[in-house]
Amino acid sequence: MNLSELKPPAGQVKKQRRVGRGMGSRRQKTSGRGHKGSRSISGYSMMRGFEGGQMPLHRRLPKRGFTNIFRKEYAIVNVGTLDKLAGDAFEPGVLLELGVIKKLGDGLKVLGGGELRRRISVKAHLFSGSAKQKIEAAGGTVELAGGKS
């Protein structure tokens, strides 16, 4: 099959409507826009969500909740994931290079998902209680990065 042989299915491509092309073309003179009014002039653009003067839906609906401007977004990694990785010392920069986390955000948080079968040392901004317990039970060390507790 050649790319040059590809064609759209029958009936998919419609003939383009040519407007403003004379009195015999059916879409003549006003080009289907009618007479007067804001929609008939060139350069007209309608506000997004405009409903012809009726109160728009986004203003009719009640407001719910709020956005916390102080919210912190942490990159998270499970203990089980660290167990599968090569090496025994992990910190945020190393995990970024390995591609385990995509974006650091406000810091790295280690969670206790999965099992830890070897001794590792981890430096992160936050640890869950179960993650800390699992790492120390396996003989590893836990270190807080950035002086956060």
N, C-alpha and C. Protein backbone atom coordinates (compact mmCIF):
# COMPACT_ATOMS: atom_id res chain seq x y z
N MET A 1 0.84 -1.19 0.00
CA MET A 1 0.00 0.00 0.00
C MET A 1 0.88 1.25 0.00
N ASN A 2 0.53 2.20 -0.86
CA ASN A 2 1.24 3.47 -0.96
C ASN A 2 0.47 4.57 -0.25
N LEU A 3 1.18 5.52 0.32
CA LEU A 3 0.49 6.66 0.93
C LEU A 3 -0.23 7.48 -0.13
N SER A 4 0.28 7.45 -1.37
CA SER A 4 -0.35 8.22 -2.44
C SER A 4 -1.67 7.59 -2.91
N GLU A 5 -1.89 6.32 -2.54
CA GLU A 5 -3.12 5.63 -2.96
C GLU A 5 -4.24 5.76 -1.93
N LEU A 6 -3.94 6.32 -0.74
CA LEU A 6 -4.96 6.42 0.30
C LEU A 6 -6.02 7.44 -0.08
N LYS A 7 -7.28 7.08 0.13
CA LYS A 7 -8.39 7.98 -0.14
C LYS A 7 -9.39 7.88 1.01
N PRO A 8 -10.07 8.99 1.32
CA PRO A 8 -11.08 8.94 2.38
C PRO A 8 -12.27 8.11 1.95
N PRO A 9 -13.04 7.59 2.93
CA PRO A 9 -14.23 6.79 2.58
C PRO A 9 -15.23 7.62 1.78
N ALA A 10 -16.04 6.94 1.01
CA ALA A 10 -17.03 7.62 0.17
C ALA A 10 -18.01 8.40 1.04
N GLY A 11 -18.24 9.66 0.68
CA GLY A 11 -19.19 10.49 1.40
C GLY A 11 -18.58 11.27 2.55
N GLN A 12 -17.31 11.06 2.85
CA GLN A 12 -16.70 11.77 3.97
C GLN A 12 -16.32 13.20 3.59
N VAL A 13 -15.77 13.39 2.41
CA VAL A 13 -15.34 14.71 1.99
C VAL A 13 -16.47 15.40 1.24
N LYS A 14 -16.94 16.54 1.81
CA LYS A 14 -18.01 17.30 1.16
C LYS A 14 -17.40 18.44 0.37
N LYS A 15 -18.10 18.85 -0.66
CA LYS A 15 -17.63 19.95 -1.48
C LYS A 15 -17.74 21.25 -0.68
N GLN A 16 -16.70 22.07 -0.74
CA GLN A 16 -16.68 23.30 0.04
C GLN A 16 -17.69 24.30 -0.51
N ARG A 17 -18.41 24.95 0.41
CA ARG A 17 -19.41 25.93 0.01
C ARG A 17 -18.71 27.23 -0.37
N ARG A 18 -18.95 27.72 -1.59
CA ARG A 18 -18.36 28.97 -2.05
C ARG A 18 -19.40 30.06 -1.91
N VAL A 19 -19.10 31.03 -1.06
CA VAL A 19 -20.08 32.09 -0.79
C VAL A 19 -19.62 33.40 -1.40
N GLY A 20 -20.58 34.28 -1.66
CA GLY A 20 -20.27 35.61 -2.20
C GLY A 20 -19.74 35.57 -3.61
N ARG A 21 -20.25 34.70 -4.45
CA ARG A 21 -19.75 34.55 -5.82
C ARG A 21 -20.83 34.86 -6.86
N GLY A 22 -21.64 35.86 -6.59
CA GLY A 22 -22.57 36.31 -7.63
C GLY A 22 -24.00 35.84 -7.43
N MET A 23 -24.88 36.44 -8.20
CA MET A 23 -26.31 36.24 -8.03
C MET A 23 -26.77 34.83 -8.41
N GLY A 24 -26.04 34.13 -9.21
CA GLY A 24 -26.50 32.81 -9.62
C GLY A 24 -26.01 31.68 -8.73
N SER A 25 -25.33 32.00 -7.67
CA SER A 25 -24.68 30.94 -6.90
C SER A 25 -25.44 30.49 -5.66
N ARG A 26 -26.63 31.03 -5.42
CA ARG A 26 -27.47 30.69 -4.27
C ARG A 26 -26.98 31.34 -2.97
N ARG A 27 -25.69 31.43 -2.74
CA ARG A 27 -25.14 32.11 -1.56
C ARG A 27 -24.56 33.43 -2.05
N GLN A 28 -25.42 34.33 -2.41
CA GLN A 28 -24.99 35.57 -3.06
C GLN A 28 -25.01 36.73 -2.10
N LYS A 29 -24.69 37.90 -2.54
CA LYS A 29 -24.87 39.16 -1.85
C LYS A 29 -24.45 39.12 -0.39
N THR A 30 -25.31 38.63 0.51
CA THR A 30 -24.97 38.65 1.94
C THR A 30 -24.23 37.38 2.37
N SER A 31 -24.02 36.46 1.48
CA SER A 31 -23.24 35.23 1.74
C SER A 31 -23.79 34.40 2.88
N GLY A 32 -25.12 34.36 3.03
CA GLY A 32 -25.74 33.52 4.04
C GLY A 32 -25.74 34.13 5.43
N ARG A 33 -25.31 35.42 5.54
CA ARG A 33 -25.25 36.06 6.85
C ARG A 33 -26.50 36.88 7.17
N GLY A 34 -27.33 37.11 6.22
CA GLY A 34 -28.52 37.91 6.45
C GLY A 34 -28.20 39.39 6.43
N HIS A 35 -29.19 40.23 6.83
CA HIS A 35 -29.02 41.67 6.81
C HIS A 35 -28.84 42.20 8.22
N LYS A 36 -27.92 43.12 8.38
CA LYS A 36 -27.67 43.82 9.65
C LYS A 36 -27.40 42.86 10.82
N GLY A 37 -27.24 43.41 11.98
CA GLY A 37 -26.97 42.58 13.16
C GLY A 37 -25.49 42.29 13.31
N SER A 38 -25.08 41.97 14.53
CA SER A 38 -23.66 41.78 14.81
C SER A 38 -23.06 40.61 14.04
N ARG A 39 -23.84 39.57 13.81
CA ARG A 39 -23.29 38.39 13.13
C ARG A 39 -23.03 38.63 11.65
N SER A 40 -23.59 39.70 11.09
CA SER A 40 -23.45 39.92 9.65
C SER A 40 -22.17 40.66 9.30
N ILE A 41 -21.56 41.35 10.28
CA ILE A 41 -20.39 42.17 9.96
C ILE A 41 -19.11 41.34 9.97
N SER A 42 -18.11 41.83 9.25
CA SER A 42 -16.83 41.11 9.23
C SER A 42 -16.11 41.33 10.55
N GLY A 43 -15.32 40.38 10.95
CA GLY A 43 -14.57 40.49 12.20
C GLY A 43 -15.38 40.15 13.43
N TYR A 44 -16.59 39.65 13.23
CA TYR A 44 -17.45 39.31 14.37
C TYR A 44 -16.93 38.07 15.06
N SER A 45 -16.86 38.09 16.38
CA SER A 45 -16.54 36.87 17.13
C SER A 45 -17.41 36.85 18.38
N MET A 46 -17.97 35.71 18.67
CA MET A 46 -18.87 35.56 19.80
C MET A 46 -18.07 35.11 21.03
N MET A 47 -18.41 35.64 22.18
CA MET A 47 -17.76 35.24 23.41
C MET A 47 -18.00 33.74 23.67
N ARG A 48 -16.99 33.06 24.14
CA ARG A 48 -17.14 31.64 24.41
C ARG A 48 -18.21 31.43 25.49
N GLY A 49 -19.17 30.58 25.23
CA GLY A 49 -20.23 30.31 26.19
C GLY A 49 -21.42 31.24 26.05
N PHE A 50 -21.39 32.16 25.06
CA PHE A 50 -22.50 33.11 24.89
C PHE A 50 -23.75 32.38 24.43
N GLU A 51 -24.88 32.69 25.07
CA GLU A 51 -26.13 32.00 24.75
C GLU A 51 -27.22 32.98 24.31
N GLY A 52 -26.83 33.99 23.55
CA GLY A 52 -27.80 34.93 23.00
C GLY A 52 -28.42 35.84 24.03
N GLY A 53 -27.72 36.18 25.07
CA GLY A 53 -28.24 37.07 26.09
C GLY A 53 -28.80 36.33 27.30
N GLN A 54 -29.15 35.06 27.10
CA GLN A 54 -29.59 34.24 28.25
C GLN A 54 -28.40 34.05 29.19
N MET A 55 -28.67 33.90 30.47
CA MET A 55 -27.59 33.71 31.44
C MET A 55 -26.83 32.42 31.10
N PRO A 56 -25.54 32.51 30.80
CA PRO A 56 -24.79 31.33 30.36
C PRO A 56 -24.72 30.24 31.43
N LEU A 57 -24.56 29.02 30.96
CA LEU A 57 -24.55 27.85 31.85
C LEU A 57 -23.49 27.98 32.93
N HIS A 58 -22.31 28.46 32.57
CA HIS A 58 -21.23 28.55 33.57
C HIS A 58 -21.52 29.58 34.65
N ARG A 59 -22.47 30.48 34.41
CA ARG A 59 -22.87 31.43 35.45
C ARG A 59 -24.12 30.97 36.19
N ARG A 60 -24.89 30.07 35.58
CA ARG A 60 -26.09 29.55 36.24
C ARG A 60 -25.77 28.50 37.29
N LEU A 61 -24.69 27.77 37.08
CA LEU A 61 -24.34 26.68 38.00
C LEU A 61 -23.72 27.22 39.28
N PRO A 62 -23.98 26.58 40.42
CA PRO A 62 -23.39 27.05 41.68
C PRO A 62 -21.90 26.76 41.73
N LYS A 63 -21.21 27.60 42.51
CA LYS A 63 -19.78 27.39 42.70
C LYS A 63 -19.59 26.35 43.80
N ARG A 64 -18.59 25.49 43.64
CA ARG A 64 -18.33 24.44 44.63
C ARG A 64 -16.85 24.40 44.96
N GLY A 65 -16.53 24.26 46.23
CA GLY A 65 -15.15 24.03 46.65
C GLY A 65 -14.26 25.25 46.46
N PHE A 66 -12.97 25.01 46.57
CA PHE A 66 -11.99 26.07 46.39
C PHE A 66 -10.66 25.44 46.01
N THR A 67 -9.73 26.27 45.54
CA THR A 67 -8.40 25.81 45.17
C THR A 67 -7.42 26.30 46.23
N ASN A 68 -6.75 25.37 46.87
CA ASN A 68 -5.78 25.71 47.90
C ASN A 68 -4.49 26.18 47.23
N ILE A 69 -4.16 27.46 47.41
CA ILE A 69 -2.96 27.99 46.76
C ILE A 69 -1.68 27.55 47.45
N PHE A 70 -1.80 26.97 48.64
CA PHE A 70 -0.62 26.51 49.37
C PHE A 70 -0.38 25.00 49.22
N ARG A 71 -1.14 24.34 48.33
CA ARG A 71 -1.03 22.90 48.11
C ARG A 71 0.37 22.53 47.64
N LYS A 72 0.88 21.43 48.13
CA LYS A 72 2.20 20.95 47.73
C LYS A 72 2.04 19.68 46.90
N GLU A 73 2.74 19.63 45.77
CA GLU A 73 2.71 18.46 44.89
C GLU A 73 4.05 17.73 45.02
N TYR A 74 4.00 16.55 45.60
CA TYR A 74 5.22 15.76 45.78
C TYR A 74 5.31 14.67 44.72
N ALA A 75 6.54 14.40 44.30
CA ALA A 75 6.79 13.23 43.45
C ALA A 75 6.81 12.04 44.39
N ILE A 76 6.06 10.99 44.07
CA ILE A 76 5.99 9.85 44.98
C ILE A 76 6.66 8.62 44.38
N VAL A 77 7.25 7.83 45.24
CA VAL A 77 7.87 6.57 44.83
C VAL A 77 7.65 5.55 45.96
N ASN A 78 7.37 4.33 45.59
CA ASN A 78 7.13 3.27 46.56
C ASN A 78 8.42 2.54 46.91
N VAL A 79 8.44 1.95 48.09
CA VAL A 79 9.60 1.18 48.55
C VAL A 79 9.84 -0.01 47.62
N GLY A 80 8.76 -0.62 47.13
CA GLY A 80 8.89 -1.77 46.22
C GLY A 80 9.59 -1.39 44.92
N THR A 81 9.37 -0.17 44.45
CA THR A 81 10.03 0.31 43.23
C THR A 81 11.52 0.49 43.47
N LEU A 82 11.88 1.01 44.63
CA LEU A 82 13.29 1.20 44.97
C LEU A 82 14.02 -0.14 45.09
N ASP A 83 13.28 -1.16 45.55
CA ASP A 83 13.87 -2.49 45.70
C ASP A 83 14.27 -3.08 44.34
N LYS A 84 13.53 -2.76 43.30
CA LYS A 84 13.80 -3.30 41.96
C LYS A 84 14.94 -2.59 41.25
N LEU A 85 15.28 -1.37 41.69
CA LEU A 85 16.32 -0.59 41.03
C LEU A 85 17.71 -1.03 41.44
N ALA A 86 18.67 -0.83 40.53
CA ALA A 86 20.06 -1.15 40.83
C ALA A 86 20.65 -0.07 41.73
N GLY A 87 21.57 -0.44 42.60
CA GLY A 87 22.20 0.50 43.51
C GLY A 87 21.58 0.41 44.89
N ASP A 88 22.24 1.07 45.85
CA ASP A 88 21.73 0.99 47.22
C ASP A 88 21.56 2.37 47.86
N ALA A 89 21.91 3.46 47.15
CA ALA A 89 21.73 4.81 47.67
C ALA A 89 20.85 5.60 46.70
N PHE A 90 19.73 6.09 47.22
CA PHE A 90 18.78 6.81 46.36
C PHE A 90 18.50 8.19 46.91
N GLU A 91 18.49 9.17 46.02
CA GLU A 91 18.11 10.54 46.36
C GLU A 91 17.33 11.11 45.16
N PRO A 92 16.66 12.25 45.32
CA PRO A 92 15.80 12.77 44.26
C PRO A 92 16.48 12.92 42.90
N GLY A 93 17.71 13.44 42.87
CA GLY A 93 18.42 13.63 41.60
C GLY A 93 18.67 12.33 40.87
N VAL A 94 19.04 11.28 41.62
CA VAL A 94 19.31 9.96 41.03
C VAL A 94 18.03 9.38 40.42
N LEU A 95 16.91 9.52 41.15
CA LEU A 95 15.64 8.97 40.66
C LEU A 95 15.14 9.72 39.43
N LEU A 96 15.45 11.01 39.34
CA LEU A 96 15.09 11.77 38.13
C LEU A 96 15.89 11.28 36.93
N GLU A 97 17.18 11.05 37.13
CA GLU A 97 18.04 10.55 36.04
C GLU A 97 17.61 9.17 35.57
N LEU A 98 17.20 8.31 36.51
CA LEU A 98 16.78 6.96 36.15
C LEU A 98 15.40 6.93 35.50
N GLY A 99 14.65 8.04 35.61
CA GLY A 99 13.33 8.12 35.00
C GLY A 99 12.23 7.53 35.86
N VAL A 100 12.51 7.28 37.13
CA VAL A 100 11.51 6.74 38.05
C VAL A 100 10.46 7.82 38.35
N ILE A 101 10.92 9.06 38.51
CA ILE A 101 9.99 10.19 38.68
C ILE A 101 10.22 11.15 37.52
N LYS A 102 9.15 11.77 37.06
CA LYS A 102 9.25 12.67 35.92
C LYS A 102 9.54 14.10 36.34
N LYS A 103 8.89 14.55 37.44
CA LYS A 103 9.03 15.93 37.89
C LYS A 103 9.11 15.94 39.40
N LEU A 104 10.06 16.66 39.95
CA LEU A 104 10.27 16.66 41.39
C LEU A 104 9.21 17.47 42.14
N GLY A 105 8.76 18.58 41.57
CA GLY A 105 7.74 19.40 42.22
C GLY A 105 8.25 19.99 43.53
N ASP A 106 7.49 19.79 44.62
CA ASP A 106 7.87 20.32 45.92
C ASP A 106 8.78 19.39 46.70
N GLY A 107 9.12 18.25 46.13
CA GLY A 107 10.02 17.32 46.80
C GLY A 107 9.63 15.88 46.51
N LEU A 108 10.34 14.96 47.13
CA LEU A 108 10.13 13.53 46.94
C LEU A 108 9.53 12.94 48.21
N LYS A 109 8.49 12.14 48.05
CA LYS A 109 7.89 11.44 49.18
C LYS A 109 7.98 9.94 48.91
N VAL A 110 8.48 9.20 49.89
CA VAL A 110 8.61 7.75 49.77
C VAL A 110 7.45 7.11 50.53
N LEU A 111 6.70 6.25 49.80
CA LEU A 111 5.56 5.54 50.39
C LEU A 111 5.92 4.09 50.62
N GLY A 112 5.13 3.40 51.42
CA GLY A 112 5.46 2.04 51.85
C GLY A 112 4.88 0.92 51.01
N GLY A 113 4.50 1.19 49.76
CA GLY A 113 3.94 0.13 48.91
C GLY A 113 5.01 -0.86 48.46
N GLY A 114 4.67 -2.14 48.44
CA GLY A 114 5.61 -3.17 48.00
C GLY A 114 6.47 -3.68 49.14
N GLU A 115 7.38 -4.61 48.78
CA GLU A 115 8.27 -5.21 49.78
C GLU A 115 9.70 -4.79 49.55
N LEU A 116 10.45 -4.72 50.63
CA LEU A 116 11.86 -4.37 50.56
C LEU A 116 12.66 -5.55 51.08
N ARG A 117 13.51 -6.15 50.21
CA ARG A 117 14.25 -7.36 50.57
C ARG A 117 15.74 -7.11 50.78
N ARG A 118 16.18 -5.86 50.60
CA ARG A 118 17.61 -5.56 50.74
C ARG A 118 17.81 -4.24 51.47
N ARG A 119 19.05 -3.98 51.78
CA ARG A 119 19.40 -2.80 52.56
C ARG A 119 19.67 -1.62 51.60
N ILE A 120 18.94 -0.53 51.80
CA ILE A 120 19.14 0.67 50.97
C ILE A 120 19.16 1.91 51.85
N SER A 121 19.79 2.95 51.33
CA SER A 121 19.74 4.24 52.03
C SER A 121 19.01 5.22 51.12
N VAL A 122 18.04 5.92 51.71
CA VAL A 122 17.19 6.81 50.92
C VAL A 122 17.22 8.21 51.51
N LYS A 123 17.37 9.20 50.63
CA LYS A 123 17.31 10.61 51.03
C LYS A 123 16.11 11.21 50.30
N ALA A 124 15.11 11.68 51.05
CA ALA A 124 13.91 12.25 50.46
C ALA A 124 13.38 13.36 51.36
N HIS A 125 12.39 14.10 50.84
CA HIS A 125 11.82 15.21 51.61
C HIS A 125 10.80 14.74 52.64
N LEU A 126 10.06 13.67 52.33
CA LEU A 126 9.06 13.12 53.24
C LEU A 126 9.04 11.61 53.15
N PHE A 127 8.71 10.95 54.25
CA PHE A 127 8.56 9.50 54.30
C PHE A 127 7.24 9.18 54.98
N SER A 128 6.54 8.17 54.47
CA SER A 128 5.36 7.70 55.20
C SER A 128 5.86 6.83 56.34
N GLY A 129 5.02 6.61 57.34
CA GLY A 129 5.42 5.81 58.49
C GLY A 129 5.81 4.40 58.11
N SER A 130 5.01 3.78 57.22
CA SER A 130 5.30 2.40 56.82
C SER A 130 6.58 2.30 56.00
N ALA A 131 6.86 3.33 55.18
CA ALA A 131 8.09 3.32 54.38
C ALA A 131 9.32 3.40 55.28
N LYS A 132 9.26 4.28 56.25
CA LYS A 132 10.36 4.45 57.19
C LYS A 132 10.61 3.15 57.95
N GLN A 133 9.52 2.53 58.38
CA GLN A 133 9.60 1.28 59.13
C GLN A 133 10.21 0.16 58.29
N LYS A 134 9.79 0.03 57.04
CA LYS A 134 10.29 -1.03 56.16
C LYS A 134 11.77 -0.85 55.84
N ILE A 135 12.18 0.39 55.58
CA ILE A 135 13.59 0.66 55.24
C ILE A 135 14.49 0.36 56.43
N GLU A 136 14.08 0.80 57.62
CA GLU A 136 14.89 0.57 58.82
C GLU A 136 14.87 -0.90 59.24
N ALA A 137 13.76 -1.62 58.99
CA ALA A 137 13.68 -3.05 59.31
C ALA A 137 14.62 -3.86 58.42
N ALA A 138 14.84 -3.38 57.18
CA ALA A 138 15.74 -4.07 56.27
C ALA A 138 17.20 -3.70 56.52
N GLY A 139 17.46 -2.80 57.49
CA GLY A 139 18.82 -2.41 57.82
C GLY A 139 19.29 -1.18 57.07
N GLY A 140 18.39 -0.49 56.40
CA GLY A 140 18.75 0.70 55.62
C GLY A 140 18.67 1.97 56.45
N THR A 141 19.00 3.09 55.80
CA THR A 141 18.95 4.37 56.50
C THR A 141 17.99 5.33 55.79
N VAL A 142 17.38 6.17 56.61
CA VAL A 142 16.43 7.18 56.13
C VAL A 142 16.98 8.55 56.46
N GLU A 143 17.05 9.43 55.43
CA GLU A 143 17.59 10.76 55.64
C GLU A 143 16.64 11.79 55.02
N LEU A 144 16.34 12.84 55.77
CA LEU A 144 15.46 13.90 55.26
C LEU A 144 16.28 14.90 54.45
N ALA A 145 15.81 15.20 53.24
CA ALA A 145 16.48 16.18 52.39
C ALA A 145 15.83 17.54 52.58
N GLY A 146 16.60 18.59 52.50
CA GLY A 146 16.06 19.95 52.58
C GLY A 146 15.66 20.38 53.96
N GLY A 147 15.99 19.63 54.98
CA GLY A 147 15.71 20.02 56.36
C GLY A 147 14.25 19.96 56.75
N LYS A 148 13.39 19.31 55.94
CA LYS A 148 11.97 19.17 56.31
C LYS A 148 11.78 17.99 57.23
N SER A 149 10.78 18.05 58.10
CA SER A 149 10.54 16.91 58.99
C SER A 149 9.17 16.33 58.74
